[in-house]
Amino acid sequence: MSDLTAQSSLAGMTKSWEGLTLSEPSVFEIVSVAIAQGRENEVAKTFATYYGSQLPKPNEFTTINEGHALWTGPEQYFLLLKGEDETADLSVSDVFDGAVYTTLQSDSWVAIDLNGTRIFDALEQFISLDLRRAKYPFAARTSAHHMAVIVTVINVNEVRLLTPRSSVQSFLDALTHATDNALGYPVS
């Protein structure tokens, strides 16, 4: 009989340079939310009541009582919810009583957290956005080295990148290479 052990995409990876650490964050769920046509006002009110925040606008994310929400397209959002719950999409759908369409995205995306004082020195070599001038909290969907990425800038010393699981190793290799070029070789 097989003994299967759950493992994250990056096996808890941590890499450090002077002034920057890359790491795989602890467990959270990603739920995509698409608003049903004509139900935008209802969803906005329910979102504010249940999550304690307004729906995020383009290029921003918001802190909600269970994690973060970010705009991903017209009438579309990602909810990054703390904890592990393989039915998170159903729970979110229940909150909105049929006014949204939800999909659990956790197994499709991988997160990499960047912490430190030299984040933007590394990212300016990797992502073609001027993140130094972004208004925090900032979120954008873009590409890096021809791979999809969602960038969330929490503050000047904290950034989270989301990238598709199918290309995460290539993404990490490119990010590491760009960081080596900008900051020198890793310290660990």
N, C-alpha and C. Protein backbone atom coordinates (compact mmCIF):
# COMPACT_ATOMS: atom_id res chain seq x y z
N MET A 1 0.84 -1.18 0.00
CA MET A 1 0.00 0.00 0.00
C MET A 1 0.89 1.24 0.00
N SER A 2 0.53 2.20 -0.80
CA SER A 2 1.31 3.44 -0.90
C SER A 2 1.12 4.32 0.32
N ASP A 3 2.19 5.00 0.67
CA ASP A 3 2.13 5.97 1.77
C ASP A 3 2.46 7.33 1.16
N LEU A 4 1.43 8.08 0.80
CA LEU A 4 1.63 9.36 0.13
C LEU A 4 1.76 10.48 1.16
N THR A 5 2.70 11.37 0.90
CA THR A 5 2.93 12.52 1.76
C THR A 5 2.73 13.79 0.96
N ALA A 6 1.87 14.66 1.44
CA ALA A 6 1.65 15.93 0.75
C ALA A 6 2.93 16.76 0.77
N GLN A 7 3.22 17.39 -0.34
CA GLN A 7 4.41 18.22 -0.43
C GLN A 7 4.08 19.46 -1.25
N SER A 8 4.58 20.59 -0.80
CA SER A 8 4.34 21.82 -1.54
C SER A 8 5.17 21.84 -2.83
N SER A 9 4.83 22.72 -3.72
CA SER A 9 5.50 22.79 -5.03
C SER A 9 6.99 23.06 -4.92
N LEU A 10 7.39 23.88 -3.94
CA LEU A 10 8.79 24.25 -3.80
C LEU A 10 9.44 23.63 -2.56
N ALA A 11 8.75 22.66 -1.96
CA ALA A 11 9.27 21.92 -0.80
C ALA A 11 9.77 22.85 0.31
N GLY A 12 9.04 23.93 0.55
CA GLY A 12 9.40 24.85 1.63
C GLY A 12 10.66 25.65 1.36
N MET A 13 10.96 25.91 0.11
CA MET A 13 12.18 26.60 -0.33
C MET A 13 12.40 27.92 0.40
N THR A 14 13.66 28.17 0.76
CA THR A 14 14.12 29.47 1.26
C THR A 14 15.48 29.75 0.65
N LYS A 15 15.66 30.94 0.10
CA LYS A 15 16.96 31.39 -0.43
C LYS A 15 17.20 32.79 0.10
N SER A 16 18.44 33.08 0.46
CA SER A 16 18.75 34.40 1.02
C SER A 16 19.96 35.02 0.35
N TRP A 17 19.85 36.32 0.15
CA TRP A 17 20.93 37.18 -0.28
C TRP A 17 21.03 38.28 0.77
N GLU A 18 22.08 39.04 0.74
CA GLU A 18 22.16 40.17 1.68
C GLU A 18 21.04 41.15 1.34
N GLY A 19 20.12 41.34 2.28
CA GLY A 19 19.01 42.26 2.09
C GLY A 19 17.77 41.67 1.44
N LEU A 20 17.75 40.37 1.18
CA LEU A 20 16.58 39.76 0.52
C LEU A 20 16.48 38.28 0.85
N THR A 21 15.27 37.85 1.16
CA THR A 21 14.98 36.42 1.36
C THR A 21 13.78 36.04 0.51
N LEU A 22 13.91 34.94 -0.23
CA LEU A 22 12.79 34.34 -0.97
C LEU A 22 12.34 33.13 -0.19
N SER A 23 11.04 32.94 -0.05
CA SER A 23 10.55 31.76 0.65
C SER A 23 9.17 31.38 0.15
N GLU A 24 8.85 30.12 0.33
CA GLU A 24 7.51 29.64 0.03
C GLU A 24 6.66 29.84 1.28
N PRO A 25 5.53 30.55 1.17
CA PRO A 25 4.73 30.84 2.36
C PRO A 25 4.00 29.61 2.88
N SER A 26 3.48 29.76 4.08
CA SER A 26 2.69 28.68 4.67
C SER A 26 1.39 28.52 3.90
N VAL A 27 0.62 27.56 4.27
CA VAL A 27 -0.57 27.15 3.55
C VAL A 27 -1.63 28.25 3.50
N PHE A 28 -2.20 28.43 2.32
CA PHE A 28 -3.37 29.29 2.14
C PHE A 28 -4.11 28.80 0.92
N GLU A 29 -5.34 29.20 0.77
CA GLU A 29 -6.17 28.80 -0.37
C GLU A 29 -6.40 30.00 -1.28
N ILE A 30 -6.48 29.74 -2.58
CA ILE A 30 -6.80 30.78 -3.56
C ILE A 30 -8.13 30.41 -4.20
N VAL A 31 -9.07 31.34 -4.12
CA VAL A 31 -10.38 31.14 -4.74
C VAL A 31 -10.59 32.26 -5.75
N SER A 32 -10.88 31.88 -7.00
CA SER A 32 -11.24 32.90 -7.99
C SER A 32 -12.73 33.15 -7.89
N VAL A 33 -13.09 34.42 -8.03
CA VAL A 33 -14.49 34.84 -7.92
C VAL A 33 -14.82 35.66 -9.15
N ALA A 34 -15.87 35.25 -9.86
CA ALA A 34 -16.38 36.01 -11.00
C ALA A 34 -17.83 36.39 -10.69
N ILE A 35 -18.13 37.66 -10.81
CA ILE A 35 -19.46 38.16 -10.47
C ILE A 35 -20.44 37.87 -11.61
N ALA A 36 -21.59 37.32 -11.25
CA ALA A 36 -22.64 37.06 -12.24
C ALA A 36 -23.15 38.39 -12.80
N GLN A 37 -23.45 38.40 -14.10
CA GLN A 37 -23.89 39.62 -14.77
C GLN A 37 -25.09 40.23 -14.06
N GLY A 38 -25.01 41.54 -13.81
CA GLY A 38 -26.10 42.27 -13.20
C GLY A 38 -26.16 42.18 -11.68
N ARG A 39 -25.19 41.50 -11.05
CA ARG A 39 -25.23 41.31 -9.60
C ARG A 39 -24.08 42.05 -8.90
N GLU A 40 -23.46 43.00 -9.59
CA GLU A 40 -22.28 43.70 -9.08
C GLU A 40 -22.58 44.43 -7.76
N ASN A 41 -23.65 45.19 -7.69
CA ASN A 41 -23.97 45.96 -6.47
C ASN A 41 -24.25 45.03 -5.28
N GLU A 42 -24.98 43.97 -5.54
CA GLU A 42 -25.28 42.99 -4.49
C GLU A 42 -23.98 42.36 -3.95
N VAL A 43 -23.09 42.00 -4.85
CA VAL A 43 -21.81 41.39 -4.44
C VAL A 43 -20.98 42.39 -3.66
N ALA A 44 -20.93 43.64 -4.10
CA ALA A 44 -20.14 44.66 -3.39
C ALA A 44 -20.64 44.83 -1.96
N LYS A 45 -21.96 44.85 -1.78
CA LYS A 45 -22.53 44.99 -0.43
C LYS A 45 -22.23 43.77 0.42
N THR A 46 -22.41 42.60 -0.13
CA THR A 46 -22.16 41.36 0.61
C THR A 46 -20.68 41.25 0.97
N PHE A 47 -19.81 41.61 0.03
CA PHE A 47 -18.38 41.55 0.27
C PHE A 47 -18.00 42.46 1.44
N ALA A 48 -18.50 43.68 1.43
CA ALA A 48 -18.20 44.64 2.50
C ALA A 48 -18.70 44.13 3.85
N THR A 49 -19.88 43.57 3.87
CA THR A 49 -20.45 43.07 5.12
C THR A 49 -19.69 41.86 5.63
N TYR A 50 -19.45 40.89 4.77
CA TYR A 50 -18.85 39.63 5.20
C TYR A 50 -17.34 39.73 5.42
N TYR A 51 -16.64 40.40 4.51
CA TYR A 51 -15.18 40.45 4.58
C TYR A 51 -14.64 41.71 5.24
N GLY A 52 -15.50 42.66 5.53
CA GLY A 52 -15.07 43.85 6.25
C GLY A 52 -14.23 44.81 5.42
N SER A 53 -14.41 44.81 4.10
CA SER A 53 -13.62 45.66 3.22
C SER A 53 -14.37 45.86 1.91
N GLN A 54 -13.96 46.87 1.16
CA GLN A 54 -14.51 47.09 -0.17
C GLN A 54 -13.81 46.18 -1.17
N LEU A 55 -14.47 45.87 -2.27
CA LEU A 55 -13.82 45.12 -3.35
C LEU A 55 -12.62 45.90 -3.85
N PRO A 56 -11.50 45.24 -4.10
CA PRO A 56 -10.32 45.97 -4.59
C PRO A 56 -10.51 46.47 -6.01
N LYS A 57 -9.86 47.58 -6.29
CA LYS A 57 -9.88 48.17 -7.62
C LYS A 57 -8.67 47.64 -8.41
N PRO A 58 -8.61 47.92 -9.72
CA PRO A 58 -7.43 47.50 -10.49
C PRO A 58 -6.15 48.02 -9.86
N ASN A 59 -5.12 47.21 -9.89
CA ASN A 59 -3.79 47.52 -9.36
C ASN A 59 -3.75 47.70 -7.86
N GLU A 60 -4.68 47.06 -7.16
CA GLU A 60 -4.61 47.09 -5.71
C GLU A 60 -5.14 45.78 -5.14
N PHE A 61 -4.79 45.53 -3.91
CA PHE A 61 -5.41 44.44 -3.18
C PHE A 61 -5.84 44.99 -1.84
N THR A 62 -6.69 44.26 -1.17
CA THR A 62 -7.19 44.71 0.11
C THR A 62 -7.08 43.58 1.13
N THR A 63 -6.87 43.96 2.37
CA THR A 63 -6.86 42.99 3.45
C THR A 63 -8.30 42.71 3.86
N ILE A 64 -8.63 41.44 3.95
CA ILE A 64 -9.95 41.04 4.40
C ILE A 64 -9.78 40.25 5.69
N ASN A 65 -10.88 40.00 6.38
CA ASN A 65 -10.78 39.34 7.67
C ASN A 65 -10.26 37.90 7.60
N GLU A 66 -10.12 37.34 6.42
CA GLU A 66 -9.61 35.97 6.27
C GLU A 66 -8.36 35.90 5.40
N GLY A 67 -7.78 37.06 5.01
CA GLY A 67 -6.60 37.05 4.15
C GLY A 67 -6.51 38.30 3.30
N HIS A 68 -6.47 38.12 1.97
CA HIS A 68 -6.38 39.23 1.03
C HIS A 68 -7.30 38.99 -0.16
N ALA A 69 -7.71 40.07 -0.81
CA ALA A 69 -8.46 40.00 -2.05
C ALA A 69 -7.76 40.90 -3.05
N LEU A 70 -7.70 40.46 -4.31
CA LEU A 70 -7.11 41.30 -5.34
C LEU A 70 -7.91 41.21 -6.62
N TRP A 71 -7.89 42.32 -7.35
CA TRP A 71 -8.58 42.44 -8.63
C TRP A 71 -7.76 41.70 -9.67
N THR A 72 -8.40 40.84 -10.48
CA THR A 72 -7.67 40.13 -11.54
C THR A 72 -8.22 40.44 -12.93
N GLY A 73 -9.34 41.13 -13.00
CA GLY A 73 -9.95 41.48 -14.28
C GLY A 73 -11.31 42.07 -14.01
N PRO A 74 -11.97 42.60 -15.03
CA PRO A 74 -13.30 43.18 -14.81
C PRO A 74 -14.25 42.18 -14.15
N GLU A 75 -14.76 42.56 -12.98
CA GLU A 75 -15.69 41.74 -12.20
C GLU A 75 -15.10 40.39 -11.78
N GLN A 76 -13.75 40.32 -11.68
CA GLN A 76 -13.08 39.09 -11.28
C GLN A 76 -12.04 39.39 -10.20
N TYR A 77 -11.94 38.47 -9.24
CA TYR A 77 -11.06 38.67 -8.10
C TYR A 77 -10.45 37.34 -7.67
N PHE A 78 -9.31 37.42 -7.01
CA PHE A 78 -8.73 36.29 -6.29
C PHE A 78 -8.87 36.58 -4.81
N LEU A 79 -9.29 35.59 -4.05
CA LEU A 79 -9.26 35.66 -2.60
C LEU A 79 -8.15 34.73 -2.14
N LEU A 80 -7.19 35.25 -1.38
CA LEU A 80 -6.12 34.47 -0.80
C LEU A 80 -6.49 34.30 0.67
N LEU A 81 -6.97 33.12 1.00
CA LEU A 81 -7.55 32.86 2.31
C LEU A 81 -6.59 32.05 3.19
N LYS A 82 -6.43 32.47 4.42
CA LYS A 82 -5.54 31.78 5.36
C LYS A 82 -6.06 30.38 5.65
N GLY A 83 -5.12 29.47 5.87
CA GLY A 83 -5.49 28.12 6.26
C GLY A 83 -5.62 27.17 5.10
N GLU A 84 -6.04 25.96 5.42
CA GLU A 84 -6.18 24.91 4.42
C GLU A 84 -7.63 24.43 4.43
N ASP A 85 -8.30 24.55 3.27
CA ASP A 85 -9.70 24.16 3.17
C ASP A 85 -9.99 23.83 1.72
N GLU A 86 -10.04 22.55 1.40
CA GLU A 86 -10.25 22.15 0.01
C GLU A 86 -11.65 22.43 -0.51
N THR A 87 -12.51 22.95 0.34
CA THR A 87 -13.86 23.35 -0.09
C THR A 87 -14.04 24.87 0.03
N ALA A 88 -12.95 25.62 0.04
CA ALA A 88 -13.03 27.07 0.21
C ALA A 88 -13.88 27.73 -0.88
N ASP A 89 -13.81 27.21 -2.10
CA ASP A 89 -14.61 27.79 -3.18
C ASP A 89 -16.10 27.64 -2.91
N LEU A 90 -16.50 26.52 -2.34
CA LEU A 90 -17.91 26.31 -2.02
C LEU A 90 -18.36 27.22 -0.89
N SER A 91 -17.48 27.41 0.10
CA SER A 91 -17.79 28.31 1.22
C SER A 91 -17.97 29.74 0.74
N VAL A 92 -17.08 30.19 -0.16
CA VAL A 92 -17.18 31.55 -0.70
C VAL A 92 -18.46 31.67 -1.52
N SER A 93 -18.77 30.69 -2.32
CA SER A 93 -19.99 30.72 -3.13
C SER A 93 -21.23 30.85 -2.24
N ASP A 94 -21.24 30.12 -1.12
CA ASP A 94 -22.37 30.19 -0.19
C ASP A 94 -22.57 31.59 0.37
N VAL A 95 -21.46 32.30 0.63
CA VAL A 95 -21.54 33.66 1.18
C VAL A 95 -22.34 34.56 0.23
N PHE A 96 -22.15 34.37 -1.08
CA PHE A 96 -22.76 35.26 -2.07
C PHE A 96 -24.07 34.73 -2.65
N ASP A 97 -24.52 33.58 -2.19
CA ASP A 97 -25.85 33.06 -2.52
C ASP A 97 -26.15 33.11 -4.03
N GLY A 98 -25.24 32.55 -4.83
CA GLY A 98 -25.48 32.45 -6.27
C GLY A 98 -25.13 33.67 -7.09
N ALA A 99 -24.61 34.72 -6.48
CA ALA A 99 -24.28 35.95 -7.22
C ALA A 99 -22.88 35.92 -7.81
N VAL A 100 -22.10 34.88 -7.50
CA VAL A 100 -20.74 34.74 -8.03
C VAL A 100 -20.49 33.31 -8.48
N TYR A 101 -19.49 33.15 -9.32
CA TYR A 101 -19.00 31.84 -9.73
C TYR A 101 -17.62 31.70 -9.11
N THR A 102 -17.35 30.59 -8.45
CA THR A 102 -16.07 30.42 -7.75
C THR A 102 -15.36 29.17 -8.25
N THR A 103 -14.03 29.23 -8.20
CA THR A 103 -13.20 28.08 -8.53
C THR A 103 -12.02 28.06 -7.58
N LEU A 104 -11.73 26.90 -7.02
CA LEU A 104 -10.55 26.75 -6.18
C LEU A 104 -9.32 26.72 -7.08
N GLN A 105 -8.39 27.67 -6.87
CA GLN A 105 -7.21 27.83 -7.70
C GLN A 105 -5.91 27.43 -6.99
N SER A 106 -6.01 26.99 -5.76
CA SER A 106 -4.82 26.74 -4.93
C SER A 106 -3.82 25.79 -5.57
N ASP A 107 -4.29 24.76 -6.26
CA ASP A 107 -3.38 23.80 -6.86
C ASP A 107 -2.82 24.27 -8.19
N SER A 108 -3.31 25.40 -8.69
CA SER A 108 -2.86 25.92 -9.98
C SER A 108 -1.78 26.99 -9.86
N TRP A 109 -1.66 27.60 -8.69
CA TRP A 109 -0.74 28.71 -8.48
C TRP A 109 0.22 28.41 -7.33
N VAL A 110 1.41 28.97 -7.41
CA VAL A 110 2.41 28.84 -6.36
C VAL A 110 2.82 30.24 -5.95
N ALA A 111 3.01 30.43 -4.66
CA ALA A 111 3.42 31.75 -4.13
C ALA A 111 4.88 31.72 -3.73
N ILE A 112 5.54 32.85 -3.94
CA ILE A 112 6.90 33.07 -3.46
C ILE A 112 6.89 34.42 -2.76
N ASP A 113 7.29 34.41 -1.50
CA ASP A 113 7.36 35.65 -0.72
C ASP A 113 8.76 36.22 -0.78
N LEU A 114 8.85 37.52 -0.95
CA LEU A 114 10.13 38.24 -0.92
C LEU A 114 10.08 39.19 0.26
N ASN A 115 11.11 39.14 1.11
CA ASN A 115 11.19 40.01 2.28
C ASN A 115 12.58 40.60 2.35
N GLY A 116 12.66 41.89 2.70
CA GLY A 116 13.96 42.52 2.87
C GLY A 116 14.02 43.90 2.27
N THR A 117 15.15 44.52 2.43
CA THR A 117 15.34 45.91 2.00
C THR A 117 15.77 46.04 0.54
N ARG A 118 16.11 44.92 -0.12
CA ARG A 118 16.60 45.00 -1.50
C ARG A 118 15.67 44.32 -2.51
N ILE A 119 14.40 44.23 -2.15
CA ILE A 119 13.43 43.58 -3.03
C ILE A 119 13.41 44.22 -4.41
N PHE A 120 13.31 45.54 -4.46
CA PHE A 120 13.14 46.21 -5.75
C PHE A 120 14.42 46.20 -6.58
N ASP A 121 15.58 46.10 -5.93
CA ASP A 121 16.83 45.94 -6.67
C ASP A 121 16.79 44.65 -7.49
N ALA A 122 16.24 43.60 -6.91
CA ALA A 122 16.14 42.32 -7.61
C ALA A 122 14.99 42.32 -8.62
N LEU A 123 13.82 42.81 -8.22
CA LEU A 123 12.66 42.72 -9.10
C LEU A 123 12.75 43.62 -10.32
N GLU A 124 13.48 44.72 -10.24
CA GLU A 124 13.59 45.57 -11.43
C GLU A 124 14.37 44.87 -12.54
N GLN A 125 15.10 43.83 -12.20
CA GLN A 125 15.80 43.01 -13.19
C GLN A 125 14.88 41.92 -13.76
N PHE A 126 13.72 41.72 -13.14
CA PHE A 126 12.89 40.56 -13.44
C PHE A 126 11.50 40.91 -13.96
N ILE A 127 10.89 41.96 -13.42
CA ILE A 127 9.51 42.33 -13.77
C ILE A 127 9.52 43.74 -14.35
N SER A 128 8.85 43.92 -15.48
CA SER A 128 8.90 45.21 -16.17
C SER A 128 7.84 46.20 -15.65
N LEU A 129 7.72 46.30 -14.33
CA LEU A 129 6.87 47.29 -13.69
C LEU A 129 7.73 48.12 -12.75
N ASP A 130 7.42 49.40 -12.63
CA ASP A 130 8.15 50.25 -11.68
C ASP A 130 7.51 50.10 -10.30
N LEU A 131 7.92 49.06 -9.61
CA LEU A 131 7.31 48.74 -8.31
C LEU A 131 7.74 49.69 -7.21
N ARG A 132 8.86 50.39 -7.40
CA ARG A 132 9.31 51.36 -6.39
C ARG A 132 8.29 52.51 -6.24
N ARG A 133 7.60 52.84 -7.33
CA ARG A 133 6.66 53.96 -7.30
C ARG A 133 5.21 53.52 -7.11
N ALA A 134 5.00 52.24 -6.92
CA ALA A 134 3.63 51.75 -6.75
C ALA A 134 3.04 52.25 -5.44
N LYS A 135 1.74 52.53 -5.47
CA LYS A 135 1.02 52.89 -4.24
C LYS A 135 0.67 51.60 -3.52
N TYR A 136 1.04 51.49 -2.27
CA TYR A 136 0.77 50.27 -1.50
C TYR A 136 -0.59 50.36 -0.84
N PRO A 137 -1.29 49.28 -0.75
CA PRO A 137 -0.98 47.95 -1.28
C PRO A 137 -1.26 47.88 -2.79
N PHE A 138 -0.36 47.27 -3.53
CA PHE A 138 -0.40 47.24 -4.99
C PHE A 138 -0.50 45.79 -5.45
N ALA A 139 -1.26 45.56 -6.51
CA ALA A 139 -1.33 44.24 -7.13
C ALA A 139 -1.48 44.41 -8.63
N ALA A 140 -0.80 43.56 -9.38
CA ALA A 140 -0.92 43.60 -10.84
C ALA A 140 -0.66 42.22 -11.41
N ARG A 141 -1.34 41.95 -12.49
CA ARG A 141 -1.12 40.71 -13.23
C ARG A 141 -0.28 41.08 -14.44
N THR A 142 0.88 40.42 -14.60
CA THR A 142 1.81 40.77 -15.67
C THR A 142 2.60 39.52 -16.06
N SER A 143 3.77 39.71 -16.63
CA SER A 143 4.63 38.57 -16.94
C SER A 143 6.07 38.90 -16.56
N ALA A 144 6.84 37.86 -16.36
CA ALA A 144 8.26 37.98 -16.05
C ALA A 144 8.98 36.87 -16.82
N HIS A 145 9.90 37.26 -17.66
CA HIS A 145 10.61 36.28 -18.50
C HIS A 145 9.63 35.37 -19.23
N HIS A 146 8.58 35.95 -19.77
CA HIS A 146 7.55 35.28 -20.57
C HIS A 146 6.70 34.30 -19.78
N MET A 147 6.71 34.43 -18.45
CA MET A 147 5.86 33.58 -17.61
C MET A 147 4.89 34.47 -16.83
N ALA A 148 3.69 33.97 -16.63
CA ALA A 148 2.66 34.73 -15.92
C ALA A 148 3.05 34.93 -14.46
N VAL A 149 2.70 36.11 -13.94
CA VAL A 149 2.94 36.40 -12.53
C VAL A 149 1.92 37.43 -12.05
N ILE A 150 1.47 37.23 -10.83
CA ILE A 150 0.67 38.24 -10.13
C ILE A 150 1.57 38.77 -9.03
N VAL A 151 1.77 40.09 -9.02
CA VAL A 151 2.63 40.74 -8.05
C VAL A 151 1.75 41.44 -7.02
N THR A 152 1.99 41.18 -5.76
CA THR A 152 1.32 41.94 -4.70
C THR A 152 2.40 42.58 -3.84
N VAL A 153 2.43 43.90 -3.83
CA VAL A 153 3.39 44.65 -3.03
C VAL A 153 2.67 45.09 -1.76
N ILE A 154 3.02 44.44 -0.67
CA ILE A 154 2.36 44.72 0.61
C ILE A 154 2.93 45.98 1.21
N ASN A 155 4.25 46.12 1.18
CA ASN A 155 4.94 47.34 1.61
C ASN A 155 6.34 47.31 1.02
N VAL A 156 7.16 48.27 1.35
CA VAL A 156 8.48 48.41 0.74
C VAL A 156 9.40 47.22 1.03
N ASN A 157 9.10 46.44 2.06
CA ASN A 157 9.93 45.29 2.43
C ASN A 157 9.23 43.95 2.30
N GLU A 158 8.07 43.91 1.64
CA GLU A 158 7.31 42.66 1.57
C GLU A 158 6.52 42.58 0.27
N VAL A 159 6.82 41.54 -0.53
CA VAL A 159 6.16 41.31 -1.81
C VAL A 159 5.81 39.83 -1.92
N ARG A 160 4.66 39.54 -2.51
CA ARG A 160 4.30 38.15 -2.80
C ARG A 160 4.10 38.03 -4.30
N LEU A 161 4.72 37.01 -4.90
CA LEU A 161 4.54 36.70 -6.31
C LEU A 161 3.74 35.41 -6.42
N LEU A 162 2.76 35.39 -7.31
CA LEU A 162 2.00 34.18 -7.63
C LEU A 162 2.28 33.83 -9.08
N THR A 163 2.60 32.58 -9.34
CA THR A 163 2.88 32.14 -10.70
C THR A 163 2.27 30.76 -10.90
N PRO A 164 1.93 30.40 -12.14
CA PRO A 164 1.33 29.08 -12.37
C PRO A 164 2.26 27.94 -11.94
N ARG A 165 1.67 26.94 -11.33
CA ARG A 165 2.42 25.78 -10.86
C ARG A 165 3.16 25.09 -12.02
N SER A 166 2.57 25.09 -13.20
CA SER A 166 3.17 24.37 -14.33
C SER A 166 4.54 24.90 -14.73
N SER A 167 4.83 26.15 -14.41
CA SER A 167 6.12 26.72 -14.79
C SER A 167 6.91 27.25 -13.60
N VAL A 168 6.57 26.83 -12.39
CA VAL A 168 7.17 27.42 -11.19
C VAL A 168 8.68 27.19 -11.12
N GLN A 169 9.17 26.04 -11.54
CA GLN A 169 10.61 25.81 -11.42
C GLN A 169 11.37 26.72 -12.38
N SER A 170 10.88 26.88 -13.60
CA SER A 170 11.51 27.81 -14.54
C SER A 170 11.42 29.24 -14.01
N PHE A 171 10.28 29.59 -13.43
CA PHE A 171 10.08 30.92 -12.85
C PHE A 171 11.09 31.16 -11.73
N LEU A 172 11.23 30.20 -10.82
CA LEU A 172 12.17 30.33 -9.71
C LEU A 172 13.60 30.42 -10.21
N ASP A 173 13.95 29.62 -11.20
CA ASP A 173 15.31 29.68 -11.77
C ASP A 173 15.59 31.06 -12.35
N ALA A 174 14.63 31.62 -13.10
CA ALA A 174 14.81 32.95 -13.70
C ALA A 174 14.88 34.03 -12.62
N LEU A 175 14.03 33.93 -11.61
CA LEU A 175 14.05 34.89 -10.51
C LEU A 175 15.37 34.82 -9.75
N THR A 176 15.85 33.62 -9.49
CA THR A 176 17.13 33.43 -8.80
C THR A 176 18.28 34.01 -9.62
N HIS A 177 18.26 33.75 -10.92
CA HIS A 177 19.32 34.27 -11.80
C HIS A 177 19.32 35.80 -11.82
N ALA A 178 18.12 36.40 -11.95
CA ALA A 178 18.02 37.86 -11.96
C ALA A 178 18.49 38.44 -10.61
N THR A 179 18.15 37.76 -9.51
CA THR A 179 18.55 38.21 -8.19
C THR A 179 20.06 38.10 -8.01
N ASP A 180 20.64 37.00 -8.49
CA ASP A 180 22.10 36.85 -8.45
C ASP A 180 22.77 38.00 -9.19
N ASN A 181 22.24 38.34 -10.36
CA ASN A 181 22.82 39.44 -11.15
C ASN A 181 22.73 40.77 -10.44
N ALA A 182 21.63 40.99 -9.72
CA ALA A 182 21.42 42.27 -9.06
C ALA A 182 22.12 42.36 -7.70
N LEU A 183 22.15 41.25 -6.96
CA LEU A 183 22.62 41.30 -5.57
C LEU A 183 23.89 40.50 -5.29
N GLY A 184 24.37 39.75 -6.25
CA GLY A 184 25.49 38.87 -6.00
C GLY A 184 24.99 37.49 -5.65
N TYR A 185 25.89 36.63 -5.21
CA TYR A 185 25.51 35.25 -4.93
C TYR A 185 24.80 35.14 -3.58
N PRO A 186 23.90 34.15 -3.48
CA PRO A 186 23.15 34.00 -2.23
C PRO A 186 24.05 33.67 -1.03
N VAL A 187 23.59 34.06 0.14
CA VAL A 187 24.31 33.72 1.36
C VAL A 187 23.85 32.39 1.92
N SER A 188 22.67 31.93 1.49
CA SER A 188 22.20 30.59 1.88
C SER A 188 21.17 30.08 0.92
